[in-house]
Amino acid sequence: QLQLSESGGGLVQPGGSLRLSCFVPGSIFRFITMHWYRQVPGKERELVATITDGGSIKYGDPAKGRFTISRVNGENTVYLQMNDLNPGDTAIYYCHAGAYWGNGTLVAVAS
């Protein structure tokens, strides 16, 4: 069973930046594909970004050109750097791997 722990959310002004982190304990981390999703209450969860164990990356439409996913296997952590945030990015951001989800971290963009 995987435990995924997100952090780094918060309130930021439009145009600002945040970096989210997701920590996954255990040696399995380096072998698994990691995803970031986000969800606004009342709407479906949507893919933000994916990074494979080999480092291949795919971005969902919300992330293209503004967000960067990365991983540091030595830290058992996947990151999501988010730049030029706007109110439409307000959501709970979840880390996901296999059948497992973190509890999410809230990102709120408002002036």
Foldseek 3Di string as FASTA:
>chain_A
DWAKAKDWADEAEAQAKIKMKIAIDDLCLLQWKKFKWWDDPPDDIGTAKIAGSVGDIDGDPVNPPFWDWDDDSVRRMIMIIGGRDDQVPFTWMWMDTDPDIYPTDTHGYHD
